[in-house]
Amino acid sequence: MRRLRNQMVHEYIEDLSILSNALNLAHAFVPELLAAAARCVQEVERIRANRAA
């Protein structure tokens, strides 16, 4: 995932087949990224609840 991100951010991809492949690979990571974001939100809520107690 990190290598794909670095490729897409740091390289200008001119070959449309490479760009298409990169975008399709990135789309496959969406569920994993959403799950990671949800875990981050849960952790923030846990920390906030502990500080309030």
PDB file of N, CA and C in Angstrom:
ATOM      1  N   MET A   1       0.839  -1.180   0.000  1.00  0.00           N
ATOM      2  CA  MET A   1       0.000   0.000   0.000  1.00  0.00           C
ATOM      3  C   MET A   1       0.884   1.244   0.000  1.00  0.00           C
ATOM      4  N   ARG A   2       1.925   1.227   0.832  1.00  0.00           N
ATOM      5  CA  ARG A   2       2.816   2.386   0.915  1.00  0.00           C
ATOM      6  C   ARG A   2       3.557   2.616  -0.408  1.00  0.00           C
ATOM      7  N   ARG A   3       4.023   1.523  -1.019  1.00  0.00           N
ATOM      8  CA  ARG A   3       4.734   1.665  -2.302  1.00  0.00           C
ATOM      9  C   ARG A   3       3.825   2.246  -3.380  1.00  0.00           C
ATOM     10  N   LEU A   4       2.575   1.802  -3.395  1.00  0.00           N
ATOM     11  CA  LEU A   4       1.620   2.319  -4.373  1.00  0.00           C
ATOM     12  C   LEU A   4       1.363   3.793  -4.130  1.00  0.00           C
ATOM     13  N   ARG A   5       1.193   4.165  -2.875  1.00  0.00           N
ATOM     14  CA  ARG A   5       0.984   5.571  -2.541  1.00  0.00           C
ATOM     15  C   ARG A   5       2.173   6.416  -2.987  1.00  0.00           C
ATOM     16  N   ASN A   6       3.367   5.942  -2.682  1.00  0.00           N
ATOM     17  CA  ASN A   6       4.558   6.692  -3.069  1.00  0.00           C
ATOM     18  C   ASN A   6       4.664   6.824  -4.587  1.00  0.00           C
ATOM     19  N   GLN A   7       4.363   5.748  -5.298  1.00  0.00           N
ATOM     20  CA  GLN A   7       4.407   5.803  -6.758  1.00  0.00           C
ATOM     21  C   GLN A   7       3.428   6.844  -7.283  1.00  0.00           C
ATOM     22  N   MET A   8       2.214   6.842  -6.747  1.00  0.00           N
ATOM     23  CA  MET A   8       1.181   7.739  -7.258  1.00  0.00           C
ATOM     24  C   MET A   8       1.437   9.194  -6.873  1.00  0.00           C
ATOM     25  N   VAL A   9       2.104   9.426  -5.761  1.00  0.00           N
ATOM     26  CA  VAL A   9       2.327  10.786  -5.292  1.00  0.00           C
ATOM     27  C   VAL A   9       3.616  11.378  -5.868  1.00  0.00           C
ATOM     28  N   HIS A  10       4.648  10.574  -5.979  1.00  0.00           N
ATOM     29  CA  HIS A  10       5.960  11.095  -6.341  1.00  0.00           C
ATOM     30  C   HIS A  10       6.320  10.933  -7.818  1.00  0.00           C
ATOM     31  N   GLU A  11       5.510  10.246  -8.560  1.00  0.00           N
ATOM     32  CA  GLU A  11       5.794  10.050  -9.977  1.00  0.00           C
ATOM     33  C   GLU A  11       4.618  10.557 -10.798  1.00  0.00           C
ATOM     34  N   TYR A  12       4.934  11.192 -11.909  1.00  0.00           N
ATOM     35  CA  TYR A  12       3.884  11.576 -12.846  1.00  0.00           C
ATOM     36  C   TYR A  12       3.706  10.408 -13.802  1.00  0.00           C
ATOM     37  N   ILE A  13       2.593   9.721 -13.689  1.00  0.00           N
ATOM     38  CA  ILE A  13       2.359   8.524 -14.488  1.00  0.00           C
ATOM     39  C   ILE A  13       1.709   8.938 -15.807  1.00  0.00           C
ATOM     40  N   GLU A  14       2.470   8.829 -16.880  1.00  0.00           N
ATOM     41  CA  GLU A  14       1.970   9.215 -18.201  1.00  0.00           C
ATOM     42  C   GLU A  14       1.332   8.049 -18.945  1.00  0.00           C
ATOM     43  N   ASP A  15       1.791   6.843 -18.678  1.00  0.00           N
ATOM     44  CA  ASP A  15       1.255   5.652 -19.348  1.00  0.00           C
ATOM     45  C   ASP A  15      -0.113   5.339 -18.751  1.00  0.00           C
ATOM     46  N   LEU A  16      -1.147   5.438 -19.583  1.00  0.00           N
ATOM     47  CA  LEU A  16      -2.512   5.253 -19.079  1.00  0.00           C
ATOM     48  C   LEU A  16      -2.772   3.854 -18.544  1.00  0.00           C
ATOM     49  N   SER A  17      -2.115   2.856 -19.074  1.00  0.00           N
ATOM     50  CA  SER A  17      -2.326   1.504 -18.553  1.00  0.00           C
ATOM     51  C   SER A  17      -1.717   1.374 -17.157  1.00  0.00           C
ATOM     52  N   ILE A  18      -0.571   2.000 -16.928  1.00  0.00           N
ATOM     53  CA  ILE A  18       0.040   1.977 -15.596  1.00  0.00           C
ATOM     54  C   ILE A  18      -0.811   2.780 -14.617  1.00  0.00           C
ATOM     55  N   LEU A  19      -1.302   3.940 -15.061  1.00  0.00           N
ATOM     56  CA  LEU A  19      -2.165   4.759 -14.206  1.00  0.00           C
ATOM     57  C   LEU A  19      -3.446   4.017 -13.857  1.00  0.00           C
ATOM     58  N   SER A  20      -4.057   3.388 -14.846  1.00  0.00           N
ATOM     59  CA  SER A  20      -5.288   2.629 -14.615  1.00  0.00           C
ATOM     60  C   SER A  20      -5.046   1.498 -13.628  1.00  0.00           C
ATOM     61  N   ASN A  21      -3.956   0.789 -13.806  1.00  0.00           N
ATOM     62  CA  ASN A  21      -3.615  -0.304 -12.896  1.00  0.00           C
ATOM     63  C   ASN A  21      -3.406   0.223 -11.476  1.00  0.00           C
ATOM     64  N   ALA A  22      -2.695   1.343 -11.351  1.00  0.00           N
ATOM     65  CA  ALA A  22      -2.444   1.922 -10.028  1.00  0.00           C
ATOM     66  C   ALA A  22      -3.746   2.338  -9.357  1.00  0.00           C
ATOM     67  N   LEU A  23      -4.644   2.944 -10.112  1.00  0.00           N
ATOM     68  CA  LEU A  23      -5.928   3.362  -9.541  1.00  0.00           C
ATOM     69  C   LEU A  23      -6.777   2.159  -9.123  1.00  0.00           C
ATOM     70  N   ASN A  24      -6.765   1.107  -9.929  1.00  0.00           N
ATOM     71  CA  ASN A  24      -7.506  -0.106  -9.559  1.00  0.00           C
ATOM     72  C   ASN A  24      -6.913  -0.751  -8.309  1.00  0.00           C
ATOM     73  N   LEU A  25      -5.587  -0.786  -8.218  1.00  0.00           N
ATOM     74  CA  LEU A  25      -4.951  -1.328  -7.013  1.00  0.00           C
ATOM     75  C   LEU A  25      -5.310  -0.477  -5.798  1.00  0.00           C
ATOM     76  N   ALA A  26      -5.275   0.837  -5.971  1.00  0.00           N
ATOM     77  CA  ALA A  26      -5.606   1.728  -4.860  1.00  0.00           C
ATOM     78  C   ALA A  26      -7.049   1.514  -4.416  1.00  0.00           C
ATOM     79  N   HIS A  27      -7.945   1.334  -5.352  1.00  0.00           N
ATOM     80  CA  HIS A  27      -9.357   1.119  -5.015  1.00  0.00           C
ATOM     81  C   HIS A  27      -9.531  -0.154  -4.187  1.00  0.00           C
ATOM     82  N   ALA A  28      -8.710  -1.145  -4.448  1.00  0.00           N
ATOM     83  CA  ALA A  28      -8.793  -2.395  -3.690  1.00  0.00           C
ATOM     84  C   ALA A  28      -8.439  -2.192  -2.223  1.00  0.00           C
ATOM     85  N   PHE A  29      -7.699  -1.125  -1.918  1.00  0.00           N
ATOM     86  CA  PHE A  29      -7.310  -0.840  -0.532  1.00  0.00           C
ATOM     87  C   PHE A  29      -8.359  -0.038   0.245  1.00  0.00           C
ATOM     88  N   VAL A  30      -9.404   0.407  -0.411  1.00  0.00           N
ATOM     89  CA  VAL A  30     -10.408   1.248   0.256  1.00  0.00           C
ATOM     90  C   VAL A  30     -10.972   0.589   1.522  1.00  0.00           C
ATOM     91  N   PRO A  31     -11.406  -0.665   1.498  1.00  0.00           N
ATOM     92  CA  PRO A  31     -11.940  -1.263   2.737  1.00  0.00           C
ATOM     93  C   PRO A  31     -10.917  -1.264   3.881  1.00  0.00           C
ATOM     94  N   GLU A  32      -9.669  -1.552   3.563  1.00  0.00           N
ATOM     95  CA  GLU A  32      -8.632  -1.565   4.594  1.00  0.00           C
ATOM     96  C   GLU A  32      -8.408  -0.158   5.162  1.00  0.00           C
ATOM     97  N   LEU A  33      -8.421   0.843   4.309  1.00  0.00           N
ATOM     98  CA  LEU A  33      -8.242   2.224   4.771  1.00  0.00           C
ATOM     99  C   LEU A  33      -9.429   2.687   5.609  1.00  0.00           C
ATOM    100  N   LEU A  34     -10.636   2.304   5.210  1.00  0.00           N
ATOM    101  CA  LEU A  34     -11.821   2.667   6.002  1.00  0.00           C
ATOM    102  C   LEU A  34     -11.785   2.002   7.376  1.00  0.00           C
ATOM    103  N   ALA A  35     -11.351   0.763   7.418  1.00  0.00           N
ATOM    104  CA  ALA A  35     -11.251   0.053   8.700  1.00  0.00           C
ATOM    105  C   ALA A  35     -10.203   0.725   9.591  1.00  0.00           C
ATOM    106  N   ALA A  36      -9.082   1.128   9.017  1.00  0.00           N
ATOM    107  CA  ALA A  36      -8.038   1.814   9.800  1.00  0.00           C
ATOM    108  C   ALA A  36      -8.560   3.143  10.328  1.00  0.00           C
ATOM    109  N   ALA A  37      -9.294   3.878   9.510  1.00  0.00           N
ATOM    110  CA  ALA A  37      -9.865   5.149   9.950  1.00  0.00           C
ATOM    111  C   ALA A  37     -10.860   4.932  11.091  1.00  0.00           C
ATOM    112  N   ALA A  38     -11.664   3.894  10.995  1.00  0.00           N
ATOM    113  CA  ALA A  38     -12.631   3.592  12.054  1.00  0.00           C
ATOM    114  C   ALA A  38     -11.913   3.251  13.358  1.00  0.00           C
ATOM    115  N   ARG A  39     -10.807   2.498  13.267  1.00  0.00           N
ATOM    116  CA  ARG A  39     -10.034   2.185  14.474  1.00  0.00           C
ATOM    117  C   ARG A  39      -9.437   3.447  15.086  1.00  0.00           C
ATOM    118  N   CYS A  40      -9.001   4.380  14.250  1.00  0.00           N
ATOM    119  CA  CYS A  40      -8.465   5.649  14.762  1.00  0.00           C
ATOM    120  C   CYS A  40      -9.541   6.431  15.505  1.00  0.00           C
ATOM    121  N   VAL A  41     -10.732   6.478  14.929  1.00  0.00           N
ATOM    122  CA  VAL A  41     -11.844   7.183  15.581  1.00  0.00           C
ATOM    123  C   VAL A  41     -12.173   6.520  16.913  1.00  0.00           C
ATOM    124  N   GLN A  42     -12.213   5.197  16.950  1.00  0.00           N
ATOM    125  CA  GLN A  42     -12.501   4.483  18.199  1.00  0.00           C
ATOM    126  C   GLN A  42     -11.443   4.791  19.254  1.00  0.00           C
ATOM    127  N   GLU A  43     -10.195   4.847  18.857  1.00  0.00           N
ATOM    128  CA  GLU A  43      -9.116   5.129  19.809  1.00  0.00           C
ATOM    129  C   GLU A  43      -9.220   6.552  20.345  1.00  0.00           C
ATOM    130  N   VAL A  44      -9.526   7.497  19.492  1.00  0.00           N
ATOM    131  CA  VAL A  44      -9.711   8.882  19.946  1.00  0.00           C
ATOM    132  C   VAL A  44     -10.875   8.968  20.925  1.00  0.00           C
ATOM    133  N   GLU A  45     -11.967   8.284  20.615  1.00  0.00           N
ATOM    134  CA  GLU A  45     -13.116   8.290  21.522  1.00  0.00           C
ATOM    135  C   GLU A  45     -12.776   7.633  22.851  1.00  0.00           C
ATOM    136  N   ARG A  46     -11.979   6.552  22.816  1.00  0.00           N
ATOM    137  CA  ARG A  46     -11.565   5.884  24.052  1.00  0.00           C
ATOM    138  C   ARG A  46     -10.706   6.816  24.900  1.00  0.00           C
ATOM    139  N   ILE A  47      -9.771   7.488  24.282  1.00  0.00           N
ATOM    140  CA  ILE A  47      -8.900   8.420  25.008  1.00  0.00           C
ATOM    141  C   ILE A  47      -9.709   9.574  25.582  1.00  0.00           C
ATOM    142  N   ARG A  48     -10.621  10.094  24.774  1.00  0.00           N
ATOM    143  CA  ARG A  48     -11.460  11.204  25.240  1.00  0.00           C
ATOM    144  C   ARG A  48     -12.293  10.779  26.434  1.00  0.00           C
ATOM    145  N   ALA A  49     -12.856   9.555  26.387  1.00  0.00           N
ATOM    146  CA  ALA A  49     -13.689   9.064  27.492  1.00  0.00           C
ATOM    147  C   ALA A  49     -12.851   8.877  28.750  1.00  0.00           C
ATOM    148  N   ASN A  50     -11.610   8.378  28.609  1.00  0.00           N
ATOM    149  CA  ASN A  50     -10.739   8.192  29.759  1.00  0.00           C
ATOM    150  C   ASN A  50     -10.335   9.518  30.397  1.00  0.00           C
ATOM    151  N   ARG A  51     -10.156  10.536  29.585  1.00  0.00           N
ATOM    152  CA  ARG A  51      -9.789  11.854  30.139  1.00  0.00           C
ATOM    153  C   ARG A  51     -10.953  12.505  30.856  1.00  0.00           C
ATOM    154  N   ALA A  52     -12.177  12.227  30.386  1.00  0.00           N
ATOM    155  CA  ALA A  52     -13.359  12.817  30.995  1.00  0.00           C
ATOM    156  C   ALA A  52     -13.685  12.152  32.335  1.00  0.00           C
ATOM    157  N   ALA A  53     -13.239  10.919  32.497  1.00  0.00           N
ATOM    158  CA  ALA A  53     -13.577  10.164  33.722  1.00  0.00           C
ATOM    159  C   ALA A  53     -12.712  10.565  34.897  1.00  0.00           C
TER     160      ALA A  53
END
